[in-house]
Protein backbone atom coordinates (compact mmCIF):
# COMPACT_ATOMS: atom_id res chain seq x y z
CA MET A 1 16.55 -6.69 5.66
CA LYS A 2 17.03 -2.93 5.35
CA LEU A 3 19.72 -1.51 3.10
CA VAL A 4 20.51 2.25 2.82
CA PHE A 5 16.88 3.40 2.45
CA HIS A 6 14.17 3.77 5.08
CA ASP A 7 11.52 3.15 2.44
CA PRO A 8 11.02 -0.65 2.37
CA SER A 9 10.36 -0.73 -1.37
CA PHE A 10 13.54 1.17 -2.24
CA SER A 11 15.50 -0.95 0.23
CA PHE A 12 14.25 -4.25 -1.19
CA GLN A 13 14.85 -3.19 -4.78
CA LEU A 14 18.41 -2.17 -3.94
CA LEU A 15 18.91 -5.51 -2.19
CA ARG A 16 17.54 -7.25 -5.27
CA ILE A 17 20.16 -5.57 -7.48
CA ILE A 18 23.12 -5.82 -5.13
CA GLY A 19 22.37 -9.48 -4.42
CA GLN A 20 23.12 -10.28 -8.06
CA THR A 21 26.77 -9.42 -7.43
CA TYR A 22 27.41 -13.10 -6.67
CA TYR A 23 26.69 -14.04 -10.30
CA GLY A 24 28.08 -10.90 -11.93
CA GLY A 25 24.93 -8.80 -12.17
CA ALA A 26 26.20 -5.93 -10.03
CA ASP A 27 29.22 -4.50 -8.25
CA ILE A 28 28.77 -3.49 -4.62
CA GLY A 29 30.52 -0.12 -4.93
CA GLU A 30 28.50 0.84 -8.01
CA CYS A 31 25.27 -0.03 -6.21
CA LEU A 32 26.06 1.78 -2.97
CA SER A 33 27.40 4.92 -4.65
CA THR A 34 24.23 5.03 -6.77
CA ALA A 35 21.97 4.47 -3.77
CA TYR A 36 23.59 7.24 -1.72
CA ARG A 37 22.96 9.70 -4.57
CA ILE A 38 19.23 8.88 -4.64
CA LYS A 39 16.82 11.10 -2.75
CA GLU A 40 14.77 9.06 -0.30
CA GLY A 41 11.31 8.28 -1.67
CA ASP A 42 11.90 10.09 -4.98
CA THR A 43 11.29 7.78 -7.94
CA GLU A 44 12.61 10.33 -10.45
CA SER A 45 15.85 10.51 -8.52
CA TRP A 46 15.93 6.69 -8.52
CA TYR A 47 15.57 6.65 -12.31
CA ASN A 48 18.14 9.37 -12.97
CA GLU A 49 20.87 7.95 -10.75
CA TRP A 50 20.52 4.35 -11.91
CA LEU A 51 20.46 5.52 -15.51
CA LYS A 52 23.73 7.41 -14.98
CA THR A 53 25.34 4.31 -13.51
CA ALA A 54 23.98 2.03 -16.21
CA ASP A 55 25.13 4.34 -19.01
CA ARG A 56 28.59 4.65 -17.47
CA VAL A 57 29.04 0.89 -17.07
CA TYR A 58 27.67 0.28 -20.57
CA LYS A 59 30.33 2.67 -21.96
CA TYR A 60 33.01 0.72 -20.07
CA ALA A 61 31.76 -2.46 -21.71
CA GLU A 62 31.62 -0.91 -25.17
CA TYR A 63 35.21 0.29 -24.88
CA CYS A 64 36.46 -3.07 -23.60
CA ASN A 65 34.67 -4.85 -26.43
CA SER A 66 36.13 -2.51 -29.04
CA VAL A 67 39.71 -3.22 -27.97
CA GLY A 68 39.28 -6.96 -27.54
CA HIS A 69 38.91 -7.33 -23.75
CA LYS A 70 36.02 -9.73 -24.16
CA ILE A 71 35.66 -10.93 -20.57
CA SER A 72 35.68 -7.38 -19.21
CA ALA A 73 33.15 -6.39 -21.86
CA ARG A 74 30.88 -9.30 -20.99
CA GLU A 75 30.98 -8.48 -17.29
CA GLY A 76 30.22 -4.81 -17.96
CA TYR A 77 27.30 -5.58 -20.24
CA LEU A 78 25.82 -7.92 -17.62
CA ARG A 79 25.96 -5.29 -14.88
CA ALA A 80 24.60 -2.59 -17.17
CA SER A 81 21.67 -4.85 -18.08
CA SER A 82 20.73 -5.21 -14.42
CA TYR A 83 21.11 -1.49 -13.73
CA TYR A 84 18.90 -0.56 -16.69
CA GLN A 85 16.11 -3.03 -15.92
CA ASN A 86 15.99 -3.50 -12.14
CA GLY A 87 17.39 -0.03 -11.54
CA ALA A 88 16.42 2.76 -13.92
CA ALA A 89 13.31 1.23 -15.50
CA PHE A 90 11.71 -0.21 -12.39
CA TYR A 91 9.66 2.65 -10.91
CA LEU A 92 8.79 4.08 -14.32
CA ASP A 93 6.01 1.48 -14.31
CA ILE A 94 4.13 3.68 -11.84
CA ASN A 95 3.02 5.44 -15.03
CA PRO A 96 2.71 2.73 -17.72
CA SER A 97 2.36 5.41 -20.41
CA ASP A 98 5.79 6.88 -19.58
CA SER A 99 7.66 7.10 -22.88
CA ARG A 100 10.93 6.20 -21.17
CA ILE A 101 9.86 2.68 -20.18
CA VAL A 102 10.46 0.83 -23.45
CA PRO A 103 13.78 2.44 -24.46
CA THR A 104 15.22 2.04 -20.95
CA TRP A 105 14.07 -1.57 -20.77
CA GLN A 106 15.36 -2.31 -24.26
CA LYS A 107 18.74 -0.90 -23.33
CA GLY A 108 18.88 -3.64 -20.71
CA VAL A 109 17.95 -6.27 -23.29
CA GLU A 110 20.55 -4.89 -25.69
CA SER A 111 23.24 -4.97 -23.00
CA PHE A 112 22.47 -8.56 -22.12
CA SER A 113 22.34 -9.58 -25.79
CA LYS A 114 25.84 -8.18 -26.28
CA ALA A 115 27.06 -10.08 -23.22
CA ALA A 116 25.39 -13.25 -24.51
CA LYS A 117 27.60 -13.28 -27.61
CA LEU A 118 30.72 -13.19 -25.45
CA PHE A 119 29.97 -16.38 -23.49
CA SER A 120 31.54 -19.69 -24.47
CA PRO A 121 29.48 -21.20 -25.87
CA PRO A 122 27.43 -18.10 -26.72
CA ILE A 123 23.98 -17.78 -25.17
CA GLU A 124 21.51 -18.38 -27.98
CA THR A 125 18.66 -15.91 -28.53
CA ILE A 126 15.56 -17.93 -29.43
CA GLU A 127 11.97 -17.37 -30.52
CA ILE A 128 9.36 -19.80 -29.20
CA SER A 129 6.15 -20.39 -31.17
CA TYR A 130 3.10 -19.36 -29.16
CA GLU A 131 -0.46 -19.15 -30.49
CA GLY A 132 0.45 -17.84 -33.93
CA ILE A 133 3.20 -15.50 -32.73
CA THR A 134 6.51 -15.94 -30.93
CA ILE A 135 7.74 -15.14 -27.44
CA PRO A 136 11.41 -14.42 -26.65
CA GLY A 137 13.82 -16.74 -24.91
CA TYR A 138 17.44 -17.69 -24.36
CA PHE A 139 18.99 -21.15 -24.64
CA TYR A 140 22.07 -21.80 -22.50
CA LYS A 141 24.31 -24.78 -23.26
CA VAL A 142 26.84 -26.28 -20.87
CA ASP A 143 29.38 -26.69 -23.68
CA ASN A 144 29.70 -27.02 -27.46
CA ASP A 145 28.69 -30.67 -27.51
CA ASP A 146 25.45 -30.65 -29.50
CA ASN A 147 24.87 -34.42 -29.31
CA THR A 148 24.98 -35.15 -25.58
CA ARG A 149 21.55 -34.95 -23.96
CA ARG A 150 21.71 -33.16 -20.63
CA PRO A 151 19.25 -32.34 -17.85
CA THR A 152 17.63 -29.00 -18.62
CA VAL A 153 15.90 -26.43 -16.45
CA ILE A 154 13.25 -24.01 -17.72
CA LEU A 155 13.18 -20.77 -15.72
CA SER A 156 10.04 -18.66 -15.32
CA THR A 157 10.11 -15.08 -14.05
CA GLY A 158 7.15 -13.50 -12.28
CA LEU A 159 5.22 -10.24 -12.01
CA ASP A 160 7.96 -7.76 -12.83
CA GLY A 161 11.17 -9.63 -13.63
CA SER A 162 12.94 -10.14 -16.92
CA GLN A 163 14.44 -13.20 -18.51
CA GLU A 164 17.75 -11.34 -18.50
CA GLU A 165 17.58 -11.27 -14.69
CA LEU A 166 16.99 -15.02 -14.71
CA TYR A 167 20.63 -15.51 -15.68
CA PHE A 168 21.66 -14.18 -12.26
CA LEU A 169 18.87 -15.95 -10.37
CA GLY A 170 19.31 -19.44 -11.77
CA ALA A 171 20.86 -19.90 -15.20
CA ALA A 172 24.45 -19.24 -14.08
CA ALA A 173 24.07 -21.73 -11.24
CA ALA A 174 22.50 -24.28 -13.58
CA LEU A 175 25.39 -24.09 -16.05
CA GLN A 176 27.94 -24.50 -13.27
CA ARG A 177 26.26 -27.77 -12.33
CA GLY A 178 25.98 -29.23 -15.81
CA TYR A 179 22.39 -28.27 -16.63
CA ASN A 180 21.33 -26.69 -19.89
CA CYS A 181 18.90 -23.84 -19.31
CA ILE A 182 16.00 -22.19 -21.14
CA THR A 183 14.52 -18.85 -20.12
CA TYR A 184 11.48 -17.20 -21.63
CA GLU A 185 8.99 -14.37 -21.14
CA GLY A 186 5.27 -14.93 -21.53
CA PRO A 187 2.21 -12.66 -21.57
CA GLY A 188 2.38 -9.95 -18.90
CA GLN A 189 6.14 -10.23 -18.57
CA GLY A 190 9.20 -8.30 -19.67
CA SER A 191 9.44 -7.49 -23.34
CA VAL A 192 6.17 -9.30 -24.11
CA ILE A 193 4.01 -6.80 -22.20
CA ARG A 194 6.15 -3.85 -23.28
CA ASN A 195 6.47 -4.67 -26.98
CA GLN A 196 3.63 -7.09 -27.74
CA LYS A 197 1.10 -5.67 -25.24
CA LEU A 198 -0.07 -9.12 -24.09
CA PRO A 199 -1.35 -9.25 -20.47
CA PHE A 200 -1.06 -12.19 -18.08
CA ARG A 201 -3.27 -15.24 -18.38
CA PRO A 202 -4.07 -17.64 -15.51
CA ASP A 203 -3.82 -20.87 -17.55
CA TRP A 204 -0.03 -20.66 -17.69
CA GLU A 205 0.28 -24.21 -18.99
CA LYS A 206 -0.66 -22.72 -22.37
CA VAL A 207 2.57 -20.70 -22.18
CA VAL A 208 4.91 -23.36 -20.78
CA THR A 209 3.76 -26.19 -23.06
CA PRO A 210 5.29 -24.51 -26.17
CA VAL A 211 8.52 -23.97 -24.20
CA VAL A 212 8.67 -27.68 -23.36
CA ASP A 213 7.90 -28.46 -27.02
CA PHE A 214 10.87 -26.30 -27.99
CA ALA A 215 13.11 -28.06 -25.47
CA LEU A 216 12.17 -31.51 -26.75
CA ASN A 217 13.20 -30.51 -30.27
CA ARG A 218 16.77 -29.82 -29.12
CA ASN A 219 19.37 -32.58 -29.38
CA GLU A 220 21.05 -31.23 -26.25
CA VAL A 221 18.02 -31.85 -24.00
CA ASP A 222 17.37 -35.06 -22.10
CA PRO A 223 13.57 -35.49 -22.36
CA LYS A 224 13.47 -37.45 -19.11
CA LYS A 225 15.21 -34.71 -17.12
CA ILE A 226 13.31 -31.47 -17.71
CA ALA A 227 12.71 -29.31 -14.63
CA LEU A 228 10.73 -26.10 -14.20
CA ILE A 229 11.64 -23.31 -11.77
CA GLY A 230 9.34 -20.34 -11.09
CA TYR A 231 10.49 -17.23 -9.23
CA SER A 232 8.24 -14.82 -7.30
CA MET A 233 4.82 -14.91 -9.00
CA GLY A 234 6.45 -17.69 -10.99
CA GLY A 235 5.88 -19.65 -7.77
CA TYR A 236 2.28 -19.89 -9.00
CA LEU A 237 3.00 -20.05 -12.73
CA ALA A 238 5.40 -23.02 -12.52
CA PRO A 239 3.18 -25.29 -10.36
CA ARG A 240 0.19 -24.34 -12.53
CA ALA A 241 2.06 -25.49 -15.65
CA ALA A 242 3.36 -28.65 -13.95
CA ALA A 243 -0.22 -29.63 -13.10
CA PHE A 244 -1.02 -29.96 -16.81
CA ASP A 245 2.24 -31.12 -18.41
CA ASP A 246 3.59 -34.48 -17.31
CA ARG A 247 6.75 -33.99 -19.36
CA ILE A 248 7.99 -31.80 -16.51
CA MET A 249 9.94 -34.14 -14.24
CA ALA A 250 10.51 -31.75 -11.32
CA CYS A 251 9.08 -28.39 -10.23
CA ILE A 252 10.51 -25.71 -7.95
CA ALA A 253 8.43 -22.80 -6.62
CA ASP A 254 10.63 -19.96 -5.32
CA ASP A 255 8.69 -18.82 -3.36
CA GLY A 256 5.54 -20.90 -3.48
CA VAL A 257 2.21 -19.22 -4.28
CA PHE A 258 -1.18 -20.91 -3.87
CA SER A 259 -3.52 -17.97 -4.58
CA ILE A 260 -2.56 -14.53 -5.84
CA TYR A 261 -6.02 -13.27 -4.87
CA GLU A 262 -5.54 -14.41 -1.27
CA ALA A 263 -2.18 -12.61 -1.18
CA TYR A 264 -3.85 -9.34 -2.19
CA ILE A 265 -6.70 -9.84 0.28
CA HIS A 266 -4.21 -10.53 3.07
CA ARG A 267 -2.95 -6.95 2.74
CA LEU A 268 -6.42 -5.42 2.35
CA GLN A 269 -8.38 -7.01 5.20
CA MET A 270 -9.93 -3.64 6.11
CA ILE A 271 -11.96 -3.64 2.90
CA HIS A 272 -12.39 -7.38 2.44
CA ASN A 273 -16.19 -7.19 2.42
CA GLU A 274 -16.22 -4.29 -0.04
CA ILE A 275 -13.99 -6.29 -2.39
CA LYS A 276 -16.21 -9.38 -2.12
CA ASN A 277 -19.32 -7.30 -2.80
CA GLY A 278 -17.76 -5.43 -5.73
CA HIS A 279 -18.08 -1.95 -4.19
CA ASP A 280 -15.78 -0.37 -6.74
CA HIS A 281 -15.99 3.23 -5.52
CA ILE A 282 -15.04 2.33 -1.93
CA VAL A 283 -12.33 -0.17 -2.89
CA ASN A 284 -10.71 2.07 -5.48
CA LYS A 285 -10.78 5.11 -3.18
CA VAL A 286 -9.19 3.27 -0.25
CA ILE A 287 -6.45 1.71 -2.41
CA GLU A 288 -5.74 5.00 -4.17
CA THR A 289 -5.35 6.66 -0.76
CA ILE A 290 -2.85 4.00 0.34
CA MET A 291 -1.01 4.40 -2.97
CA HIS A 292 -0.64 8.12 -2.35
CA PHE A 293 1.32 7.50 0.85
CA ASP A 294 3.24 4.32 -0.02
CA ILE A 295 5.61 3.98 -2.98
CA GLY A 296 5.64 0.20 -2.90
CA THR A 297 1.85 -0.03 -3.03
CA ARG A 298 1.67 2.64 -5.73
CA TRP A 299 4.14 0.74 -7.87
CA LYS A 300 2.57 -2.67 -7.25
CA ILE A 301 -0.99 -1.61 -8.03
CA THR A 302 -0.20 0.45 -11.14
CA HIS A 303 2.23 -2.13 -12.51
CA SER A 304 -0.18 -4.98 -11.78
CA MET A 305 -3.13 -3.19 -13.39
CA TRP A 306 -1.03 -2.77 -16.51
CA VAL A 307 0.27 -6.34 -16.77
CA PHE A 308 -3.07 -7.95 -15.83
CA GLY A 309 -5.04 -5.69 -18.18
CA ALA A 310 -7.19 -4.15 -15.42
CA LYS A 311 -8.72 -0.66 -15.51
CA SER A 312 -9.09 -0.18 -11.74
CA PRO A 313 -7.72 -1.57 -8.48
CA LEU A 314 -10.92 -3.52 -7.86
CA GLU A 315 -10.86 -5.03 -11.33
CA LEU A 316 -7.24 -6.04 -10.73
CA ILE A 317 -8.15 -7.89 -7.54
CA GLN A 318 -11.12 -9.53 -9.25
CA LYS A 319 -8.89 -10.72 -12.10
CA THR A 320 -6.42 -12.28 -9.69
CA SER A 321 -9.16 -14.59 -8.36
CA GLU A 322 -8.51 -16.75 -11.44
CA TYR A 323 -4.88 -17.24 -10.42
CA THR A 324 -5.18 -20.05 -7.90
CA MET A 325 -4.09 -23.66 -7.51
CA GLN A 326 -7.37 -24.45 -5.78
CA GLY A 327 -8.83 -27.62 -7.27
CA ILE A 328 -5.82 -28.43 -9.45
CA GLU A 329 -3.04 -28.84 -6.88
CA HIS A 330 -3.67 -32.60 -6.87
CA LYS A 331 -2.88 -32.78 -10.60
CA ILE A 332 0.83 -32.16 -9.99
CA LYS A 333 2.51 -35.57 -10.09
CA CYS A 334 6.19 -34.65 -10.36
CA PRO A 335 8.38 -34.07 -7.27
CA THR A 336 7.99 -30.45 -6.17
CA LEU A 337 10.22 -28.24 -4.04
CA VAL A 338 8.50 -25.31 -2.33
CA LEU A 339 10.69 -22.51 -0.96
CA ALA A 340 9.63 -19.81 1.48
CA GLY A 341 11.12 -16.69 3.05
CA GLU A 342 10.62 -16.25 6.78
CA LYS A 343 9.70 -12.59 6.23
CA ASP A 344 8.24 -12.69 2.73
CA VAL A 345 5.89 -9.68 2.55
CA SER A 346 4.88 -10.23 -1.09
CA PHE A 347 3.15 -13.60 -0.62
CA PRO A 348 3.09 -14.24 3.14
CA GLY A 349 1.92 -17.71 4.09
CA GLN A 350 1.35 -18.73 0.49
CA ALA A 351 4.25 -21.17 0.25
CA GLN A 352 3.09 -23.15 3.27
CA MET A 353 -0.46 -23.20 1.91
CA LEU A 354 0.74 -24.59 -1.44
CA TYR A 355 2.97 -27.18 0.19
CA ASP A 356 0.29 -28.43 2.57
CA LEU A 357 -2.16 -29.13 -0.25
CA LEU A 358 0.21 -30.83 -2.69
CA LYS A 359 -0.30 -34.59 -3.11
CA CYS A 360 2.92 -35.26 -5.05
CA PRO A 361 6.37 -36.09 -3.60
CA LYS A 362 7.34 -32.79 -2.03
CA LYS A 363 9.81 -30.87 0.09
CA TYR A 364 9.54 -27.53 1.91
CA ILE A 365 12.48 -25.27 2.78
CA LEU A 366 12.14 -22.14 4.91
CA PHE A 367 14.86 -19.50 4.49
CA THR A 368 15.52 -17.62 7.71
CA THR A 369 16.68 -14.26 9.03
CA GLU A 370 19.68 -15.92 10.65
CA GLU A 371 20.76 -17.08 7.19
CA GLY A 372 20.28 -13.60 5.72
CA ALA A 373 17.74 -15.16 3.37
CA GLU A 374 14.40 -14.18 4.88
CA ASP A 375 13.17 -11.88 2.12
CA HIS A 376 10.99 -12.70 -0.87
CA CYS A 377 13.03 -14.91 -3.25
CA HIS A 378 16.11 -14.52 -1.02
CA PRO A 379 17.90 -11.80 -3.04
CA ALA A 380 20.69 -11.49 -0.46
CA ALA A 381 21.37 -15.23 -0.46
CA LEU A 382 21.36 -16.44 -4.06
CA SER A 383 24.26 -18.82 -3.46
CA LEU A 384 22.43 -20.51 -0.59
CA ALA A 385 19.18 -20.65 -2.57
CA ASN A 386 20.85 -22.26 -5.57
CA GLN A 387 22.73 -24.70 -3.38
CA ARG A 388 19.44 -25.96 -2.00
CA ILE A 389 17.56 -25.89 -5.31
CA PHE A 390 20.17 -27.72 -7.35
CA ASP A 391 21.20 -30.19 -4.65
CA TRP A 392 17.55 -31.21 -4.43
CA LEU A 393 17.30 -31.30 -8.22
CA ASP A 394 20.44 -33.45 -8.55
CA GLU A 395 18.98 -35.95 -6.10
CA THR A 396 15.50 -35.84 -7.65
CA LEU A 397 16.66 -36.36 -11.22
CA GLN A 398 19.49 -38.65 -10.05
CA LYS A 399 21.88 -36.64 -12.19
């Protein structure tokens, strides 16, 4: 689905932001006016224009908060958070040493944190113990009843998302349907890679297990109704965790990912043999040439090298070979829902591959162009996606 820009990366990222309008993460006019000010293919222009919009909306929210218009303030802070993180900060990752990355990103965290205090009940900022340190999270409660145990969903972001964005993707929908919700960021993600410098790890169960431990220590959580949803690359991370933690009663992969390595190889068939044989000079040169001409590839490779802790494109691809469900897919015992986009270009074919090899109770849903939901993670159809996710979850957990 193309929107404003000819460049597919710019178009998709705009669609990603504007799609959050349904849950209060954007306003259509703000997004379109920003997009039309951006110079096609110019990442500096992208940064500057989204920053202007984010700053302006943040000032609206600050004023509303200062004079007691709490709902208006909350809505403004939410939109500003999205504009800072998915807008201004996004393409800065092309140069991971850019000094603007952390302050721009943190402005998004700050905006969301201010919004969180204005919810009823307030969204709780939490710290989850993880291997001698802590990782950040949010705990969302349906209401102020601290003694009623409710079904709870744990949301996992992916390669480049934030836990703040997870509010718009799934937490808001969960609360509407009577589910408590926990979001978190692990190694390689969000504030953890930016502030704690921890890269991704393939054994994601080591990250999710402490989150489940945290959930089970809350009076508000029904231990027999804990579900895990993974978005984008989280479509690998969530099934991986579910394979090793039988306290997870249901798993949703949106969209499903069987092998991150295979997804990279799918787009680099021309140098498949060079990758397999470790010909670093050839592989790196070819990928760097593609990066020069394609913004999306340039962003994806540089961002991925950073968050995976790789020093070259070849090393990145080699590292991703560890991120596969091969040989462990049969360990998932809980019911699993695998979603797919008809025109998913990030992980094409991966959802079907994961679904076909699962041995657990399972369901597969393909989102189509006719539905306006064909793209990766269905950013233009969040209402439809959440309808299908939570209707399935209601039936699976017999809520």
